[in-house]
PDB file of N, CA and C in Angstrom:
ATOM      1  N   MET A   1      13.933  -6.502 -23.296  1.00  0.00           N
ATOM      2  CA  MET A   1      12.334  -6.615 -23.267  1.00  0.00           C
ATOM      3  C   MET A   1      12.006  -4.775 -23.323  1.00  0.00           C
ATOM      4  N   PHE A   2      12.953  -4.542 -22.288  1.00  0.00           N
ATOM      5  CA  PHE A   2      12.934  -2.512 -21.656  1.00  0.00           C
ATOM      6  C   PHE A   2      13.046  -2.103 -23.519  1.00  0.00           C
ATOM      7  N   LEU A   3      14.428  -1.960 -23.832  1.00  0.00           N
ATOM      8  CA  LEU A   3      14.792  -1.361 -24.877  1.00  0.00           C
ATOM      9  C   LEU A   3      13.568  -1.876 -26.321  1.00  0.00           C
ATOM     10  N   SER A   4      13.067  -2.623 -26.421  1.00  0.00           N
ATOM     11  CA  SER A   4      12.081  -2.695 -27.455  1.00  0.00           C
ATOM     12  C   SER A   4      10.831  -2.200 -27.045  1.00  0.00           C
ATOM     13  N   ILE A   5      10.584  -2.481 -25.916  1.00  0.00           N
ATOM     14  CA  ILE A   5       9.272  -1.221 -25.271  1.00  0.00           C
ATOM     15  C   ILE A   5       9.670   0.094 -25.454  1.00  0.00           C
ATOM     16  N   TYR A   6      11.040   0.541 -25.106  1.00  0.00           N
ATOM     17  CA  TYR A   6      10.924   1.925 -25.008  1.00  0.00           C
ATOM     18  C   TYR A   6      11.390   2.162 -26.928  1.00  0.00           C
ATOM     19  N   LEU A   7      11.652   2.091 -27.339  1.00  0.00           N
ATOM     20  CA  LEU A   7      11.392   2.246 -28.669  1.00  0.00           C
ATOM     21  C   LEU A   7      10.475   2.117 -29.242  1.00  0.00           C
ATOM     22  N   LEU A   8       9.822   1.275 -29.130  1.00  0.00           N
ATOM     23  CA  LEU A   8       8.304   1.206 -29.572  1.00  0.00           C
ATOM     24  C   LEU A   8       7.476   2.532 -29.275  1.00  0.00           C
ATOM     25  N   SER A   9       7.181   2.517 -28.323  1.00  0.00           N
ATOM     26  CA  SER A   9       6.645   4.002 -27.055  1.00  0.00           C
ATOM     27  C   SER A   9       7.030   5.230 -28.103  1.00  0.00           C
ATOM     28  N   THR A  10       8.532   5.156 -27.870  1.00  0.00           N
ATOM     29  CA  THR A  10       9.264   6.566 -28.443  1.00  0.00           C
ATOM     30  C   THR A  10       9.007   6.736 -29.884  1.00  0.00           C
ATOM     31  N   LEU A  11       8.865   5.865 -31.073  1.00  0.00           N
ATOM     32  CA  LEU A  11       8.978   6.158 -31.918  1.00  0.00           C
ATOM     33  C   LEU A  11       7.397   5.448 -32.636  1.00  0.00           C
ATOM     34  N   LEU A  12       6.489   4.983 -32.003  1.00  0.00           N
ATOM     35  CA  LEU A  12       5.411   5.126 -32.581  1.00  0.00           C
ATOM     36  C   LEU A  12       4.159   5.638 -31.551  1.00  0.00           C
ATOM     37  N   ILE A  13       4.123   5.556 -30.418  1.00  0.00           N
ATOM     38  CA  ILE A  13       3.323   5.883 -29.316  1.00  0.00           C
ATOM     39  C   ILE A  13       3.326   7.101 -28.925  1.00  0.00           C
ATOM     40  N   VAL A  14       4.314   7.528 -28.534  1.00  0.00           N
ATOM     41  CA  VAL A  14       4.531   9.327 -28.285  1.00  0.00           C
ATOM     42  C   VAL A  14       4.213   9.981 -29.068  1.00  0.00           C
ATOM     43  N   PRO A  15       4.521   9.855 -30.467  1.00  0.00           N
ATOM     44  CA  PRO A  15       3.414  10.923 -31.910  1.00  0.00           C
ATOM     45  C   PRO A  15       2.199  10.741 -31.549  1.00  0.00           C
ATOM     46  N   LEU A  16       1.889   9.851 -31.399  1.00  0.00           N
ATOM     47  CA  LEU A  16       0.843   9.935 -31.873  1.00  0.00           C
ATOM     48  C   LEU A  16       0.034  10.655 -30.514  1.00  0.00           C
ATOM     49  N   ILE A  17       0.440  10.745 -29.219  1.00  0.00           N
ATOM     50  CA  ILE A  17      -0.082  11.402 -27.980  1.00  0.00           C
ATOM     51  C   ILE A  17      -0.024  12.778 -27.942  1.00  0.00           C
ATOM     52  N   ALA A  18       1.259  13.003 -28.105  1.00  0.00           N
ATOM     53  CA  ALA A  18       1.861  14.453 -27.937  1.00  0.00           C
ATOM     54  C   ALA A  18       1.086  15.766 -28.578  1.00  0.00           C
ATOM     55  N   PRO A  19       0.717  15.248 -29.748  1.00  0.00           N
ATOM     56  CA  PRO A  19      -0.548  16.382 -30.257  1.00  0.00           C
ATOM     57  C   PRO A  19      -1.525  16.978 -29.410  1.00  0.00           C
ATOM     58  N   LYS A  20      -1.998  15.826 -28.726  1.00  0.00           N
ATOM     59  CA  LYS A  20      -3.229  16.151 -27.432  1.00  0.00           C
ATOM     60  C   LYS A  20      -2.591  17.235 -26.350  1.00  0.00           C
ATOM     61  N   PHE A  21      -1.249  17.125 -26.119  1.00  0.00           N
ATOM     62  CA  PHE A  21      -0.386  17.741 -25.436  1.00  0.00           C
ATOM     63  C   PHE A  21      -0.057  19.277 -26.264  1.00  0.00           C
ATOM     64  N   GLY A  22      -0.197  19.399 -27.785  1.00  0.00           N
ATOM     65  CA  GLY A  22       0.116  20.928 -27.796  1.00  0.00           C
ATOM     66  C   GLY A  22       1.305  20.664 -28.482  1.00  0.00           C
ATOM     67  N   ARG A  23       1.960  19.578 -28.935  1.00  0.00           N
ATOM     68  CA  ARG A  23       3.262  19.662 -29.594  1.00  0.00           C
ATOM     69  C   ARG A  23       3.357  18.372 -30.544  1.00  0.00           C
ATOM     70  N   GLU A  24       4.516  18.644 -31.244  1.00  0.00           N
ATOM     71  CA  GLU A  24       4.708  17.387 -32.595  1.00  0.00           C
ATOM     72  C   GLU A  24       5.667  17.254 -32.755  1.00  0.00           C
ATOM     73  N   ARG A  25       6.569  16.052 -33.298  1.00  0.00           N
ATOM     74  CA  ARG A  25       7.589  15.947 -33.782  1.00  0.00           C
ATOM     75  C   ARG A  25       8.363  16.921 -34.861  1.00  0.00           C
ATOM     76  N   ILE A  26       9.352  17.235 -34.142  1.00  0.00           N
ATOM     77  CA  ILE A  26      10.163  18.571 -35.325  1.00  0.00           C
ATOM     78  C   ILE A  26      10.270  17.943 -36.826  1.00  0.00           C
ATOM     79  N   LYS A  27       9.279  18.187 -38.044  1.00  0.00           N
ATOM     80  CA  LYS A  27       9.736  17.814 -39.283  1.00  0.00           C
ATOM     81  C   LYS A  27      10.655  18.077 -40.233  1.00  0.00           C
ATOM     82  N   SER A  28      10.920  19.085 -40.747  1.00  0.00           N
ATOM     83  CA  SER A  28      11.634  19.849 -41.836  1.00  0.00           C
ATOM     84  C   SER A  28      12.931  19.853 -41.257  1.00  0.00           C
ATOM     85  N   VAL A  29      13.374  19.783 -39.927  1.00  0.00           N
ATOM     86  CA  VAL A  29      14.570  20.417 -39.730  1.00  0.00           C
ATOM     87  C   VAL A  29      15.025  19.044 -39.134  1.00  0.00           C
ATOM     88  N   THR A  30      16.996  18.824 -39.673  1.00  0.00           N
ATOM     89  CA  THR A  30      17.272  17.502 -39.276  1.00  0.00           C
ATOM     90  C   THR A  30      17.905  17.524 -37.818  1.00  0.00           C
ATOM     91  N   PRO A  31      17.671  16.151 -36.847  1.00  0.00           N
ATOM     92  CA  PRO A  31      18.525  16.273 -35.719  1.00  0.00           C
ATOM     93  C   PRO A  31      20.187  16.363 -35.996  1.00  0.00           C
ATOM     94  N   ALA A  32      21.085  17.111 -34.749  1.00  0.00           N
ATOM     95  CA  ALA A  32      22.597  17.395 -35.120  1.00  0.00           C
ATOM     96  C   ALA A  32      23.212  15.992 -34.404  1.00  0.00           C
ATOM     97  N   SER A  33      21.489  15.010 -33.703  1.00  0.00           N
ATOM     98  CA  SER A  33      22.292  13.608 -32.833  1.00  0.00           C
ATOM     99  C   SER A  33      21.157  12.942 -32.956  1.00  0.00           C
ATOM    100  N   TYR A  34      20.970  11.704 -33.083  1.00  0.00           N
ATOM    101  CA  TYR A  34      19.830  10.866 -33.209  1.00  0.00           C
ATOM    102  C   TYR A  34      19.294  10.423 -31.694  1.00  0.00           C
ATOM    103  N   PHE A  35      20.461  10.734 -30.691  1.00  0.00           N
ATOM    104  CA  PHE A  35      19.693  10.715 -29.100  1.00  0.00           C
ATOM    105  C   PHE A  35      18.682  12.030 -29.205  1.00  0.00           C
ATOM    106  N   THR A  36      18.926  12.800 -29.726  1.00  0.00           N
ATOM    107  CA  THR A  36      17.714  13.958 -29.202  1.00  0.00           C
ATOM    108  C   THR A  36      16.603  13.429 -29.513  1.00  0.00           C
ATOM    109  N   ILE A  37      16.246  12.464 -30.684  1.00  0.00           N
ATOM    110  CA  ILE A  37      15.104  11.495 -31.135  1.00  0.00           C
ATOM    111  C   ILE A  37      14.801  10.576 -30.094  1.00  0.00           C
ATOM    112  N   LEU A  38      16.045   9.816 -29.790  1.00  0.00           N
ATOM    113  CA  LEU A  38      16.219   8.624 -28.606  1.00  0.00           C
ATOM    114  C   LEU A  38      15.443   9.050 -27.396  1.00  0.00           C
ATOM    115  N   ALA A  39      15.889  10.005 -26.689  1.00  0.00           N
ATOM    116  CA  ALA A  39      15.493  10.651 -25.740  1.00  0.00           C
ATOM    117  C   ALA A  39      14.071  11.873 -25.687  1.00  0.00           C
ATOM    118  N   ASN A  40      13.780  11.516 -27.160  1.00  0.00           N
ATOM    119  CA  ASN A  40      12.244  12.397 -26.673  1.00  0.00           C
ATOM    120  C   ASN A  40      12.325  14.114 -26.983  1.00  0.00           C
ATOM    121  N   ARG A  41      13.408  14.336 -26.737  1.00  0.00           N
ATOM    122  CA  ARG A  41      13.685  15.737 -26.898  1.00  0.00           C
ATOM    123  C   ARG A  41      13.735  16.599 -28.339  1.00  0.00           C
ATOM    124  N   ASN A  42      12.652  16.180 -28.764  1.00  0.00           N
ATOM    125  CA  ASN A  42      12.546  16.518 -29.915  1.00  0.00           C
ATOM    126  C   ASN A  42      11.062  17.296 -30.609  1.00  0.00           C
ATOM    127  N   TYR A  43      10.644  17.608 -29.498  1.00  0.00           N
ATOM    128  CA  TYR A  43       8.908  18.034 -29.848  1.00  0.00           C
ATOM    129  C   TYR A  43       9.115  19.897 -29.988  1.00  0.00           C
ATOM    130  N   VAL A  44       8.130  20.187 -30.666  1.00  0.00           N
ATOM    131  CA  VAL A  44       7.938  21.877 -30.641  1.00  0.00           C
ATOM    132  C   VAL A  44       6.438  22.231 -30.390  1.00  0.00           C
ATOM    133  N   THR A  45       5.737  23.059 -30.585  1.00  0.00           N
ATOM    134  CA  THR A  45       4.234  23.305 -30.864  1.00  0.00           C
ATOM    135  C   THR A  45       4.924  23.390 -32.818  1.00  0.00           C
ATOM    136  N   PRO A  46       3.006  23.066 -32.674  1.00  0.00           N
ATOM    137  CA  PRO A  46       2.973  23.615 -34.741  1.00  0.00           C
ATOM    138  C   PRO A  46       3.493  24.640 -34.737  1.00  0.00           C
ATOM    139  N   GLU A  47       3.285  25.501 -34.351  1.00  0.00           N
ATOM    140  CA  GLU A  47       3.374  27.061 -34.757  1.00  0.00           C
ATOM    141  C   GLU A  47       5.278  26.952 -35.040  1.00  0.00           C
ATOM    142  N   MET A  48       5.997  26.629 -34.191  1.00  0.00           N
ATOM    143  CA  MET A  48       7.417  26.271 -34.567  1.00  0.00           C
ATOM    144  C   MET A  48       7.738  25.435 -35.283  1.00  0.00           C
ATOM    145  N   ASN A  49       7.094  24.590 -35.796  1.00  0.00           N
ATOM    146  CA  ASN A  49       7.313  23.326 -37.007  1.00  0.00           C
ATOM    147  C   ASN A  49       7.475  24.532 -38.392  1.00  0.00           C
ATOM    148  N   VAL A  50       5.983  25.021 -37.956  1.00  0.00           N
ATOM    149  CA  VAL A  50       6.211  26.126 -39.511  1.00  0.00           C
ATOM    150  C   VAL A  50       7.128  26.879 -39.861  1.00  0.00           C
ATOM    151  N   LEU A  51       7.570  27.568 -38.691  1.00  0.00           N
ATOM    152  CA  LEU A  51       8.819  28.660 -38.879  1.00  0.00           C
ATOM    153  C   LEU A  51       9.985  28.018 -38.752  1.00  0.00           C
ATOM    154  N   LEU A  52      10.102  26.484 -38.545  1.00  0.00           N
ATOM    155  CA  LEU A  52      11.043  25.939 -38.721  1.00  0.00           C
ATOM    156  C   LEU A  52      11.360  25.552 -40.069  1.00  0.00           C
ATOM    157  N   LYS A  53      10.427  25.367 -40.846  1.00  0.00           N
ATOM    158  CA  LYS A  53      10.127  25.253 -42.140  1.00  0.00           C
ATOM    159  C   LYS A  53      10.694  25.993 -43.040  1.00  0.00           C
ATOM    160  N   ASP A  54      10.064  27.210 -43.025  1.00  0.00           N
ATOM    161  CA  ASP A  54      10.371  28.245 -43.596  1.00  0.00           C
ATOM    162  C   ASP A  54      11.726  28.814 -43.469  1.00  0.00           C
ATOM    163  N   LEU A  55      12.578  28.457 -41.980  1.00  0.00           N
ATOM    164  CA  LEU A  55      14.074  28.659 -41.676  1.00  0.00           C
ATOM    165  C   LEU A  55      14.663  27.784 -42.836  1.00  0.00           C
ATOM    166  N   GLN A  56      14.237  26.603 -42.630  1.00  0.00           N
ATOM    167  CA  GLN A  56      14.927  25.715 -43.695  1.00  0.00           C
ATOM    168  C   GLN A  56      14.882  26.020 -44.931  1.00  0.00           C
ATOM    169  N   ASP A  57      13.590  26.146 -45.961  1.00  0.00           N
ATOM    170  CA  ASP A  57      13.750  26.631 -46.961  1.00  0.00           C
ATOM    171  C   ASP A  57      14.597  28.275 -47.390  1.00  0.00           C
ATOM    172  N   LYS A  58      14.675  29.025 -46.492  1.00  0.00           N
ATOM    173  CA  LYS A  58      15.246  30.012 -46.485  1.00  0.00           C
ATOM    174  C   LYS A  58      16.865  29.749 -46.811  1.00  0.00           C
ATOM    175  N   LEU A  59      17.616  29.144 -45.512  1.00  0.00           N
ATOM    176  CA  LEU A  59      18.709  28.968 -44.980  1.00  0.00           C
ATOM    177  C   LEU A  59      19.531  27.389 -45.622  1.00  0.00           C
ATOM    178  N   GLY A  60      18.565  26.774 -46.138  1.00  0.00           N
ATOM    179  CA  GLY A  60      18.986  25.497 -46.511  1.00  0.00           C
ATOM    180  C   GLY A  60      19.454  24.570 -45.034  1.00  0.00           C
ATOM    181  N   HIS A  61      21.050  24.337 -45.236  1.00  0.00           N
ATOM    182  CA  HIS A  61      21.242  23.378 -44.165  1.00  0.00           C
ATOM    183  C   HIS A  61      20.908  23.558 -42.760  1.00  0.00           C
ATOM    184  N   VAL A  62      19.959  23.628 -42.067  1.00  0.00           N
ATOM    185  CA  VAL A  62      19.567  23.761 -40.661  1.00  0.00           C
ATOM    186  C   VAL A  62      19.720  22.425 -39.714  1.00  0.00           C
ATOM    187  N   ASN A  63      20.192  22.329 -38.684  1.00  0.00           N
ATOM    188  CA  ASN A  63      20.198  21.439 -37.766  1.00  0.00           C
ATOM    189  C   ASN A  63      19.509  21.903 -36.046  1.00  0.00           C
ATOM    190  N   TYR A  64      18.907  20.895 -35.840  1.00  0.00           N
ATOM    191  CA  TYR A  64      18.720  21.432 -34.190  1.00  0.00           C
ATOM    192  C   TYR A  64      19.290  20.423 -33.246  1.00  0.00           C
ATOM    193  N   LEU A  65      19.583  20.713 -31.977  1.00  0.00           N
ATOM    194  CA  LEU A  65      20.203  20.082 -31.720  1.00  0.00           C
ATOM    195  C   LEU A  65      19.672  20.190 -30.124  1.00  0.00           C
ATOM    196  N   ASP A  66      18.715  20.297 -29.453  1.00  0.00           N
ATOM    197  CA  ASP A  66      17.840  20.400 -28.433  1.00  0.00           C
ATOM    198  C   ASP A  66      16.139  21.147 -28.863  1.00  0.00           C
ATOM    199  N   ALA A  67      15.288  20.377 -28.343  1.00  0.00           N
ATOM    200  CA  ALA A  67      13.901  21.037 -28.489  1.00  0.00           C
ATOM    201  C   ALA A  67      13.327  20.858 -27.418  1.00  0.00           C
ATOM    202  N   ASN A  68      12.190  20.301 -27.041  1.00  0.00           N
ATOM    203  CA  ASN A  68      11.459  20.064 -25.638  1.00  0.00           C
ATOM    204  C   ASN A  68      10.836  18.829 -25.704  1.00  0.00           C
ATOM    205  N   PHE A  69      10.561  18.209 -24.793  1.00  0.00           N
ATOM    206  CA  PHE A  69       9.522  16.802 -24.548  1.00  0.00           C
ATOM    207  C   PHE A  69       8.302  17.045 -24.818  1.00  0.00           C
ATOM    208  N   PRO A  70       7.727  15.772 -25.333  1.00  0.00           N
ATOM    209  CA  PRO A  70       6.347  16.040 -25.760  1.00  0.00           C
ATOM    210  C   PRO A  70       5.467  16.184 -25.240  1.00  0.00           C
ATOM    211  N   PHE A  71       5.450  16.200 -23.612  1.00  0.00           N
ATOM    212  CA  PHE A  71       4.215  16.264 -22.198  1.00  0.00           C
ATOM    213  C   PHE A  71       4.000  17.535 -21.716  1.00  0.00           C
ATOM    214  N   ILE A  72       4.611  17.452 -20.828  1.00  0.00           N
ATOM    215  CA  ILE A  72       4.281  18.392 -19.828  1.00  0.00           C
ATOM    216  C   ILE A  72       4.921  19.642 -19.997  1.00  0.00           C
ATOM    217  N   ASP A  73       4.104  21.032 -19.526  1.00  0.00           N
ATOM    218  CA  ASP A  73       4.365  22.140 -19.757  1.00  0.00           C
ATOM    219  C   ASP A  73       5.066  22.541 -18.613  1.00  0.00           C
ATOM    220  N   LYS A  74       5.710  23.858 -18.506  1.00  0.00           N
ATOM    221  CA  LYS A  74       6.780  23.857 -17.417  1.00  0.00           C
ATOM    222  C   LYS A  74       7.848  23.028 -16.845  1.00  0.00           C
ATOM    223  N   PHE A  75       7.877  21.510 -17.568  1.00  0.00           N
ATOM    224  CA  PHE A  75       9.006  21.112 -17.031  1.00  0.00           C
ATOM    225  C   PHE A  75      10.800  21.322 -18.068  1.00  0.00           C
ATOM    226  N   PRO A  76      11.128  21.784 -17.540  1.00  0.00           N
ATOM    227  CA  PRO A  76      12.212  22.199 -18.015  1.00  0.00           C
ATOM    228  C   PRO A  76      13.244  21.085 -18.558  1.00  0.00           C
ATOM    229  N   LEU A  77      13.840  21.114 -19.235  1.00  0.00           N
ATOM    230  CA  LEU A  77      14.344  20.500 -20.679  1.00  0.00           C
ATOM    231  C   LEU A  77      16.454  20.860 -20.065  1.00  0.00           C
ATOM    232  N   LEU A  78      16.615  19.787 -18.774  1.00  0.00           N
ATOM    233  CA  LEU A  78      17.794  20.291 -18.220  1.00  0.00           C
ATOM    234  C   LEU A  78      18.732  20.046 -19.556  1.00  0.00           C
ATOM    235  N   PRO A  79      20.026  20.724 -19.697  1.00  0.00           N
ATOM    236  CA  PRO A  79      20.326  21.894 -18.811  1.00  0.00           C
ATOM    237  C   PRO A  79      19.859  22.994 -19.552  1.00  0.00           C
ATOM    238  N   HIS A  80      18.617  22.911 -20.245  1.00  0.00           N
ATOM    239  CA  HIS A  80      18.137  24.324 -20.613  1.00  0.00           C
ATOM    240  C   HIS A  80      16.611  24.785 -20.268  1.00  0.00           C
ATOM    241  N   LEU A  81      17.054  25.101 -18.803  1.00  0.00           N
ATOM    242  CA  LEU A  81      16.113  25.665 -18.244  1.00  0.00           C
ATOM    243  C   LEU A  81      14.538  26.224 -19.335  1.00  0.00           C
ATOM    244  N   SER A  82      15.202  26.784 -19.885  1.00  0.00           N
ATOM    245  CA  SER A  82      14.118  27.859 -20.754  1.00  0.00           C
ATOM    246  C   SER A  82      13.300  27.036 -21.680  1.00  0.00           C
ATOM    247  N   HIS A  83      13.427  26.136 -22.115  1.00  0.00           N
ATOM    248  CA  HIS A  83      13.119  25.058 -23.284  1.00  0.00           C
ATOM    249  C   HIS A  83      12.048  24.166 -21.921  1.00  0.00           C
ATOM    250  N   ASN A  84      10.892  24.713 -21.439  1.00  0.00           N
ATOM    251  CA  ASN A  84       9.886  24.123 -20.698  1.00  0.00           C
ATOM    252  C   ASN A  84       8.379  24.353 -21.507  1.00  0.00           C
ATOM    253  N   ASP A  85       8.013  24.666 -23.120  1.00  0.00           N
ATOM    254  CA  ASP A  85       7.282  25.158 -23.298  1.00  0.00           C
ATOM    255  C   ASP A  85       6.908  24.873 -25.005  1.00  0.00           C
ATOM    256  N   GLY A  86       7.683  24.048 -25.503  1.00  0.00           N
ATOM    257  CA  GLY A  86       7.929  23.688 -26.797  1.00  0.00           C
ATOM    258  C   GLY A  86       7.844  24.687 -27.990  1.00  0.00           C
ATOM    259  N   LYS A  87       8.267  25.797 -27.222  1.00  0.00           N
ATOM    260  CA  LYS A  87       8.792  27.351 -28.084  1.00  0.00           C
ATOM    261  C   LYS A  87      10.097  27.732 -28.436  1.00  0.00           C
ATOM    262  N   LYS A  88      11.045  26.775 -28.116  1.00  0.00           N
ATOM    263  CA  LYS A  88      12.401  27.156 -27.594  1.00  0.00           C
ATOM    264  C   LYS A  88      13.329  25.819 -28.350  1.00  0.00           C
ATOM    265  N   LEU A  89      14.213  26.229 -29.077  1.00  0.00           N
ATOM    266  CA  LEU A  89      15.410  24.814 -29.666  1.00  0.00           C
ATOM    267  C   LEU A  89      16.767  25.760 -30.262  1.00  0.00           C
ATOM    268  N   ASP A  90      17.331  24.837 -29.282  1.00  0.00           N
ATOM    269  CA  ASP A  90      18.756  25.169 -30.454  1.00  0.00           C
ATOM    270  C   ASP A  90      19.087  24.834 -31.485  1.00  0.00           C
ATOM    271  N   LEU A  91      20.004  25.592 -32.318  1.00  0.00           N
ATOM    272  CA  LEU A  91      19.936  25.075 -33.792  1.00  0.00           C
ATOM    273  C   LEU A  91      21.732  25.500 -33.763  1.00  0.00           C
ATOM    274  N   SER A  92      21.861  24.696 -35.295  1.00  0.00           N
ATOM    275  CA  SER A  92      23.087  24.805 -35.594  1.00  0.00           C
ATOM    276  C   SER A  92      23.117  25.359 -37.176  1.00  0.00           C
ATOM    277  N   LEU A  93      23.415  25.932 -37.599  1.00  0.00           N
ATOM    278  CA  LEU A  93      23.901  26.129 -38.610  1.00  0.00           C
ATOM    279  C   LEU A  93      25.051  25.282 -39.525  1.00  0.00           C
ATOM    280  N   ALA A  94      24.973  25.221 -40.888  1.00  0.00           N
ATOM    281  CA  ALA A  94      26.243  24.771 -41.565  1.00  0.00           C
ATOM    282  C   ALA A  94      26.192  25.800 -42.280  1.00  0.00           C
ATOM    283  N   TYR A  95      27.557  26.033 -42.147  1.00  0.00           N
ATOM    284  CA  TYR A  95      27.855  27.225 -43.639  1.00  0.00           C
ATOM    285  C   TYR A  95      29.131  26.091 -44.387  1.00  0.00           C
ATOM    286  N   GLU A  96      28.638  26.036 -45.573  1.00  0.00           N
ATOM    287  CA  GLU A  96      29.415  24.942 -46.555  1.00  0.00           C
ATOM    288  C   GLU A  96      30.053  25.909 -47.655  1.00  0.00           C
ATOM    289  N   THR A  97      31.528  25.295 -48.132  1.00  0.00           N
ATOM    290  CA  THR A  97      31.983  25.852 -49.134  1.00  0.00           C
ATOM    291  C   THR A  97      32.893  24.852 -49.860  1.00  0.00           C
ATOM    292  N   SER A  98      33.513  25.112 -50.596  1.00  0.00           N
ATOM    293  CA  SER A  98      34.017  23.966 -51.776  1.00  0.00           C
ATOM    294  C   SER A  98      34.894  23.334 -51.120  1.00  0.00           C
ATOM    295  N   ASP A  99      35.500  23.863 -50.531  1.00  0.00           N
ATOM    296  CA  ASP A  99      36.783  23.178 -49.690  1.00  0.00           C
ATOM    297  C   ASP A  99      36.161  22.791 -48.003  1.00  0.00           C
ATOM    298  N   ARG A 100      35.277  23.246 -46.980  1.00  0.00           N
ATOM    299  CA  ARG A 100      35.312  23.084 -45.965  1.00  0.00           C
ATOM    300  C   ARG A 100      33.533  23.051 -45.631  1.00  0.00           C
ATOM    301  N   THR A 101      33.673  22.261 -44.736  1.00  0.00           N
ATOM    302  CA  THR A 101      32.159  23.133 -43.710  1.00  0.00           C
ATOM    303  C   THR A 101      31.851  23.904 -42.851  1.00  0.00           C
ATOM    304  N   GLU A 102      31.627  24.782 -42.444  1.00  0.00           N
ATOM    305  CA  GLU A 102      31.588  25.516 -40.525  1.00  0.00           C
ATOM    306  C   GLU A 102      30.616  24.974 -40.244  1.00  0.00           C
ATOM    307  N   TYR A 103      30.455  25.197 -39.015  1.00  0.00           N
ATOM    308  CA  TYR A 103      28.995  24.845 -38.417  1.00  0.00           C
ATOM    309  C   TYR A 103      29.001  25.871 -37.188  1.00  0.00           C
ATOM    310  N   TRP A 104      27.777  26.454 -37.011  1.00  0.00           N
ATOM    311  CA  TRP A 104      27.622  27.695 -36.057  1.00  0.00           C
ATOM    312  C   TRP A 104      26.336  27.031 -35.401  1.00  0.00           C
ATOM    313  N   PHE A 105      26.862  27.457 -34.055  1.00  0.00           N
ATOM    314  CA  PHE A 105      25.472  26.820 -33.171  1.00  0.00           C
ATOM    315  C   PHE A 105      24.996  28.159 -32.288  1.00  0.00           C
ATOM    316  N   LEU A 106      23.703  28.367 -32.643  1.00  0.00           N
ATOM    317  CA  LEU A 106      23.004  29.440 -32.116  1.00  0.00           C
ATOM    318  C   LEU A 106      22.502  28.876 -30.670  1.00  0.00           C
ATOM    319  N   TYR A 107      22.152  29.245 -29.903  1.00  0.00           N
ATOM    320  CA  TYR A 107      21.822  28.998 -28.335  1.00  0.00           C
ATOM    321  C   TYR A 107      20.953  29.746 -28.391  1.00  0.00           C
TER     322      TYR A 107
END
């Protein structure tokens, strides 16, 4: 019962309420892990979403590791104490060649 209520609120209710707090789900960049979505660590400001779309268009394959919670400002995203305002996130860039793929993590 708890799992179904949690998934319902995480996937349907929280995305509707978060814009009232100045945050929205990351739209154009894919998560490196779907745990980020299930833990509601995938929210940024609308300006950051525009910046991420431009970055995705210019660089190609970009993943994010952690962003921020959907609601309260100044509430840190542990272990990232600076992730407390929806304006910061960790990125992972994929460098692909014909024989292998390398991942670069930016913090």
